[in-house]
């Protein structure tokens, strides 16, 4: 498992696949969500282990490991500097939508209308 990237050549054309991050070398869990902050940090949600891992300046580290626990199902940047995390657990008592004050903005998303 990994995170891949492609160069954007034009509006309807991409370059070849390039492995950006070999996740198997870092963890044995499944990536379930990815989002970016405006300053370029990548947040990776997983189904077990660390709920969220951040890739910052080329280094991977757990994000609030002592507070957040998996499974992370999805991310969404809200208004202001908040990241919303959907924790979809099999136990109804631990299912949550968690709002995290990130103290920074999410990356622009150009897919919304």
N, C-alpha and C. Protein backbone atom coordinates (compact mmCIF):
# COMPACT_ATOMS: atom_id res chain seq x y z
N UNK A 1 0.85 -1.17 0.00
CA UNK A 1 0.00 0.00 0.00
C UNK A 1 0.89 1.23 0.00
N UNK A 2 0.43 2.24 -0.67
CA UNK A 2 1.21 3.46 -0.72
C UNK A 2 0.38 4.66 -1.11
N UNK A 3 1.01 5.80 -1.10
CA UNK A 3 0.41 7.04 -1.57
C UNK A 3 1.15 7.42 -2.84
N UNK A 4 0.40 7.59 -3.91
CA UNK A 4 0.95 7.85 -5.23
C UNK A 4 0.63 9.27 -5.65
N UNK A 5 1.44 9.81 -6.54
CA UNK A 5 1.16 11.12 -7.10
C UNK A 5 1.43 11.10 -8.60
N UNK A 6 0.80 12.05 -9.27
CA UNK A 6 0.96 12.21 -10.71
C UNK A 6 1.15 13.69 -11.00
N UNK A 7 2.05 14.01 -11.89
CA UNK A 7 2.21 15.38 -12.35
C UNK A 7 0.98 15.76 -13.17
N UNK A 8 0.45 16.96 -12.94
CA UNK A 8 -0.65 17.46 -13.75
C UNK A 8 -0.04 18.14 -14.97
N UNK A 9 -0.27 17.55 -16.13
CA UNK A 9 0.30 18.07 -17.37
C UNK A 9 -0.63 19.12 -17.98
N UNK A 10 -1.92 18.81 -18.00
CA UNK A 10 -2.91 19.76 -18.50
C UNK A 10 -4.23 19.48 -17.80
N UNK A 11 -5.26 20.18 -18.21
CA UNK A 11 -6.57 20.04 -17.58
C UNK A 11 -7.08 18.61 -17.62
N UNK A 12 -6.76 17.86 -18.66
CA UNK A 12 -7.27 16.49 -18.79
C UNK A 12 -6.17 15.45 -18.99
N UNK A 13 -4.96 15.77 -18.53
CA UNK A 13 -3.85 14.84 -18.73
C UNK A 13 -2.93 14.81 -17.50
N UNK A 14 -2.59 13.58 -17.10
CA UNK A 14 -1.69 13.38 -15.98
C UNK A 14 -0.43 12.65 -16.43
N UNK A 15 0.66 12.88 -15.71
CA UNK A 15 1.89 12.15 -15.97
C UNK A 15 1.80 10.75 -15.39
N UNK A 16 2.91 10.04 -15.40
CA UNK A 16 2.94 8.67 -14.91
C UNK A 16 2.85 8.63 -13.39
N UNK A 17 2.38 7.49 -12.86
CA UNK A 17 2.30 7.29 -11.42
C UNK A 17 3.70 7.31 -10.81
N UNK A 18 3.81 7.94 -9.65
CA UNK A 18 5.07 7.97 -8.91
C UNK A 18 4.76 7.67 -7.45
N UNK A 19 5.43 6.66 -6.88
CA UNK A 19 5.22 6.33 -5.47
C UNK A 19 5.77 7.46 -4.61
N UNK A 20 4.90 8.08 -3.85
CA UNK A 20 5.29 9.19 -2.98
C UNK A 20 5.66 8.69 -1.59
N UNK A 21 4.87 7.75 -1.06
CA UNK A 21 5.10 7.23 0.29
C UNK A 21 4.74 5.76 0.31
N UNK A 22 5.72 4.90 0.61
CA UNK A 22 5.47 3.47 0.75
C UNK A 22 4.95 3.23 2.16
N UNK A 23 3.65 3.13 2.30
CA UNK A 23 3.02 3.01 3.61
C UNK A 23 3.40 1.71 4.30
N UNK A 24 3.64 0.65 3.54
CA UNK A 24 4.01 -0.64 4.13
C UNK A 24 5.31 -0.56 4.92
N UNK A 25 6.19 0.36 4.58
CA UNK A 25 7.44 0.53 5.32
C UNK A 25 7.21 1.23 6.65
N UNK A 26 6.10 1.94 6.77
CA UNK A 26 5.82 2.70 8.00
C UNK A 26 4.86 1.97 8.93
N UNK A 27 3.80 1.41 8.40
CA UNK A 27 2.75 0.85 9.25
C UNK A 27 2.11 -0.36 8.59
N UNK A 28 1.38 -1.13 9.40
CA UNK A 28 0.69 -2.30 8.87
C UNK A 28 -0.82 -2.08 8.86
N UNK A 29 -1.26 -0.83 8.93
CA UNK A 29 -2.69 -0.54 8.92
C UNK A 29 -3.11 -0.02 7.55
N UNK A 30 -4.41 0.22 7.40
CA UNK A 30 -4.97 0.66 6.13
C UNK A 30 -5.25 2.16 6.16
N UNK A 31 -4.87 2.85 5.10
CA UNK A 31 -5.16 4.28 4.98
C UNK A 31 -6.64 4.41 4.62
N UNK A 32 -7.36 5.22 5.39
CA UNK A 32 -8.79 5.41 5.17
C UNK A 32 -9.16 6.84 4.79
N UNK A 33 -8.26 7.80 5.03
CA UNK A 33 -8.55 9.20 4.73
C UNK A 33 -7.25 9.97 4.58
N UNK A 34 -7.27 10.96 3.70
CA UNK A 34 -6.12 11.86 3.52
C UNK A 34 -6.65 13.27 3.33
N UNK A 35 -5.98 14.23 3.99
CA UNK A 35 -6.29 15.64 3.75
C UNK A 35 -5.01 16.44 3.94
N UNK A 36 -5.06 17.70 3.52
CA UNK A 36 -3.88 18.57 3.58
C UNK A 36 -4.23 19.87 4.27
N UNK A 37 -3.26 20.43 4.97
CA UNK A 37 -3.41 21.78 5.51
C UNK A 37 -2.87 22.76 4.48
N UNK A 38 -3.18 24.04 4.67
CA UNK A 38 -2.75 25.06 3.72
C UNK A 38 -1.23 25.16 3.65
N UNK A 39 -0.54 24.80 4.72
CA UNK A 39 0.93 24.87 4.71
C UNK A 39 1.59 23.60 4.18
N UNK A 40 0.78 22.65 3.66
CA UNK A 40 1.33 21.48 2.98
C UNK A 40 1.46 20.23 3.81
N UNK A 41 1.08 20.25 5.09
CA UNK A 41 1.13 19.03 5.89
C UNK A 41 0.06 18.06 5.41
N UNK A 42 0.40 16.78 5.34
CA UNK A 42 -0.55 15.74 4.94
C UNK A 42 -0.99 14.99 6.19
N UNK A 43 -2.31 14.86 6.37
CA UNK A 43 -2.88 14.12 7.49
C UNK A 43 -3.46 12.83 6.94
N UNK A 44 -3.06 11.71 7.55
CA UNK A 44 -3.43 10.39 7.07
C UNK A 44 -4.23 9.68 8.17
N UNK A 45 -5.47 9.33 7.85
CA UNK A 45 -6.31 8.59 8.79
C UNK A 45 -6.18 7.11 8.52
N UNK A 46 -6.27 6.30 9.59
CA UNK A 46 -6.11 4.85 9.45
C UNK A 46 -7.18 4.09 10.23
N UNK A 47 -7.23 2.79 9.96
CA UNK A 47 -8.22 1.94 10.61
C UNK A 47 -7.75 1.33 11.93
N UNK A 48 -6.47 1.37 12.21
CA UNK A 48 -5.95 0.85 13.48
C UNK A 48 -4.58 1.46 13.74
N UNK A 49 -4.03 1.24 14.92
CA UNK A 49 -2.75 1.87 15.27
C UNK A 49 -2.99 3.32 15.62
N UNK A 50 -2.24 4.22 14.99
CA UNK A 50 -2.46 5.65 15.19
C UNK A 50 -3.67 6.09 14.38
N UNK A 51 -4.59 6.79 15.02
CA UNK A 51 -5.80 7.24 14.32
C UNK A 51 -5.44 8.19 13.18
N UNK A 52 -4.48 9.09 13.46
CA UNK A 52 -4.03 10.06 12.46
C UNK A 52 -2.51 10.15 12.52
N UNK A 53 -1.91 10.13 11.35
CA UNK A 53 -0.47 10.34 11.21
C UNK A 53 -0.29 11.58 10.35
N UNK A 54 0.67 12.42 10.71
CA UNK A 54 0.93 13.63 9.92
C UNK A 54 2.29 13.49 9.24
N UNK A 55 2.32 13.85 7.97
CA UNK A 55 3.56 13.93 7.22
C UNK A 55 3.91 15.40 7.13
N UNK A 56 4.97 15.79 7.84
CA UNK A 56 5.36 17.20 7.94
C UNK A 56 6.85 17.31 7.66
N UNK A 57 7.18 18.08 6.62
CA UNK A 57 8.58 18.28 6.23
C UNK A 57 9.30 16.95 6.00
N UNK A 58 8.61 15.99 5.41
CA UNK A 58 9.20 14.70 5.09
C UNK A 58 9.25 13.71 6.23
N UNK A 59 8.74 14.08 7.40
CA UNK A 59 8.77 13.19 8.57
C UNK A 59 7.36 12.77 8.96
N UNK A 60 7.18 11.48 9.25
CA UNK A 60 5.90 10.96 9.72
C UNK A 60 5.90 10.92 11.24
N UNK A 61 4.78 11.35 11.82
CA UNK A 61 4.64 11.26 13.28
C UNK A 61 3.17 11.12 13.64
N UNK A 62 2.88 10.46 14.76
CA UNK A 62 1.49 10.36 15.21
C UNK A 62 0.94 11.75 15.56
N UNK A 63 -0.35 11.93 15.36
CA UNK A 63 -1.02 13.19 15.66
C UNK A 63 -1.97 12.97 16.84
N UNK A 64 -1.66 13.59 17.97
CA UNK A 64 -2.46 13.46 19.20
C UNK A 64 -2.75 11.99 19.53
N UNK A 65 -1.70 11.19 19.53
CA UNK A 65 -1.82 9.75 19.77
C UNK A 65 -2.49 9.44 21.12
N UNK A 66 -2.25 10.26 22.12
CA UNK A 66 -2.79 10.01 23.45
C UNK A 66 -4.28 10.33 23.55
N UNK A 67 -4.82 11.08 22.58
CA UNK A 67 -6.21 11.53 22.66
C UNK A 67 -7.09 10.86 21.62
N UNK A 68 -6.59 10.73 20.39
CA UNK A 68 -7.37 10.18 19.29
C UNK A 68 -7.06 8.70 19.11
N UNK A 69 -8.09 7.92 18.85
CA UNK A 69 -7.86 6.50 18.59
C UNK A 69 -8.71 6.06 17.40
N UNK A 70 -8.25 5.04 16.69
CA UNK A 70 -8.91 4.62 15.46
C UNK A 70 -10.21 3.87 15.73
N UNK A 71 -10.98 3.63 14.69
CA UNK A 71 -10.70 3.87 13.29
C UNK A 71 -11.15 5.26 12.82
N UNK A 72 -10.32 5.89 12.03
CA UNK A 72 -10.67 7.14 11.38
C UNK A 72 -11.29 6.78 10.03
N UNK A 73 -12.46 7.31 9.74
CA UNK A 73 -13.15 6.98 8.49
C UNK A 73 -12.98 8.07 7.44
N UNK A 74 -13.07 9.34 7.85
CA UNK A 74 -13.00 10.44 6.88
C UNK A 74 -12.61 11.73 7.57
N UNK A 75 -12.11 12.69 6.77
CA UNK A 75 -11.77 14.04 7.23
C UNK A 75 -12.57 15.06 6.44
N UNK A 76 -12.79 16.22 7.05
CA UNK A 76 -13.37 17.35 6.33
C UNK A 76 -12.96 18.63 7.03
N UNK A 77 -12.37 19.57 6.30
CA UNK A 77 -12.07 20.87 6.86
C UNK A 77 -13.35 21.68 6.91
N UNK A 78 -13.63 22.27 8.05
CA UNK A 78 -14.82 23.09 8.20
C UNK A 78 -14.48 24.56 8.06
N UNK A 79 -15.38 25.40 8.55
CA UNK A 79 -15.12 26.83 8.55
C UNK A 79 -14.02 27.14 9.56
N UNK A 80 -13.27 28.15 9.27
CA UNK A 80 -12.19 28.51 10.18
C UNK A 80 -11.07 27.50 10.14
N UNK A 81 -10.54 27.19 11.28
CA UNK A 81 -9.35 26.35 11.39
C UNK A 81 -9.67 24.98 11.99
N UNK A 82 -10.87 24.48 11.72
CA UNK A 82 -11.31 23.22 12.30
C UNK A 82 -11.24 22.07 11.29
N UNK A 83 -10.73 20.95 11.77
CA UNK A 83 -10.75 19.70 11.01
C UNK A 83 -11.75 18.78 11.70
N UNK A 84 -12.69 18.24 10.92
CA UNK A 84 -13.66 17.30 11.45
C UNK A 84 -13.22 15.89 11.07
N UNK A 85 -13.24 15.01 12.06
CA UNK A 85 -12.81 13.63 11.88
C UNK A 85 -14.00 12.72 12.19
N UNK A 86 -14.31 11.84 11.27
CA UNK A 86 -15.36 10.86 11.51
C UNK A 86 -14.70 9.59 12.02
N UNK A 87 -15.09 9.19 13.22
CA UNK A 87 -14.62 7.95 13.82
C UNK A 87 -15.76 6.96 13.73
N UNK A 88 -15.66 6.00 12.80
CA UNK A 88 -16.73 5.04 12.56
C UNK A 88 -16.36 3.71 13.20
N UNK A 89 -16.69 3.57 14.47
CA UNK A 89 -16.37 2.36 15.21
C UNK A 89 -17.55 1.39 15.17
N UNK A 90 -17.27 0.11 15.37
CA UNK A 90 -18.34 -0.88 15.41
C UNK A 90 -19.19 -0.72 16.66
N UNK A 91 -18.61 -0.19 17.73
CA UNK A 91 -19.32 0.05 18.98
C UNK A 91 -20.03 1.41 18.89
N UNK A 92 -21.34 1.40 18.98
CA UNK A 92 -22.13 2.63 18.86
C UNK A 92 -21.69 3.67 19.88
N UNK A 93 -21.29 3.26 21.05
CA UNK A 93 -20.90 4.19 22.11
C UNK A 93 -19.63 4.97 21.79
N UNK A 94 -18.81 4.48 20.86
CA UNK A 94 -17.55 5.17 20.54
C UNK A 94 -17.54 5.82 19.17
N UNK A 95 -18.65 5.76 18.44
CA UNK A 95 -18.74 6.47 17.16
C UNK A 95 -18.78 7.96 17.44
N UNK A 96 -18.05 8.72 16.64
CA UNK A 96 -17.95 10.15 16.90
C UNK A 96 -17.70 10.94 15.63
N UNK A 97 -18.09 12.21 15.67
CA UNK A 97 -17.56 13.23 14.79
C UNK A 97 -16.77 14.15 15.71
N UNK A 98 -15.49 14.26 15.47
CA UNK A 98 -14.60 15.00 16.36
C UNK A 98 -14.17 16.29 15.66
N UNK A 99 -14.29 17.41 16.35
CA UNK A 99 -13.84 18.69 15.81
C UNK A 99 -12.51 19.04 16.47
N UNK A 100 -11.50 19.26 15.64
CA UNK A 100 -10.16 19.57 16.14
C UNK A 100 -9.77 20.97 15.70
N UNK A 101 -9.42 21.82 16.65
CA UNK A 101 -8.90 23.15 16.30
C UNK A 101 -7.45 22.96 15.88
N UNK A 102 -7.19 23.13 14.59
CA UNK A 102 -5.86 22.88 14.05
C UNK A 102 -4.96 24.11 14.14
N UNK A 103 -5.52 25.26 14.45
CA UNK A 103 -4.78 26.52 14.52
C UNK A 103 -4.14 26.89 13.18
N UNK A 104 -4.69 26.33 12.11
CA UNK A 104 -4.27 26.67 10.75
C UNK A 104 -5.38 26.24 9.80
N UNK A 105 -5.32 26.75 8.58
CA UNK A 105 -6.35 26.48 7.59
C UNK A 105 -6.07 25.19 6.83
N UNK A 106 -7.15 24.62 6.29
CA UNK A 106 -7.01 23.50 5.38
C UNK A 106 -6.59 24.00 4.01
N UNK A 107 -6.08 23.10 3.20
CA UNK A 107 -5.68 23.47 1.83
C UNK A 107 -6.93 23.80 1.02
N UNK A 108 -6.78 24.69 0.03
CA UNK A 108 -7.93 24.98 -0.83
C UNK A 108 -8.39 23.72 -1.55
N UNK A 109 -9.69 23.60 -1.68
CA UNK A 109 -10.28 22.47 -2.38
C UNK A 109 -11.04 23.02 -3.57
N UNK A 110 -10.61 22.69 -4.77
CA UNK A 110 -11.18 23.28 -5.97
C UNK A 110 -12.30 22.45 -6.57
N UNK A 111 -12.72 21.37 -5.92
CA UNK A 111 -13.76 20.52 -6.47
C UNK A 111 -15.16 20.96 -6.09
N UNK A 112 -15.30 21.82 -5.11
CA UNK A 112 -16.64 22.26 -4.68
C UNK A 112 -17.20 23.26 -5.66
N UNK A 113 -18.51 23.25 -5.79
CA UNK A 113 -19.19 24.20 -6.67
C UNK A 113 -19.89 25.25 -5.85
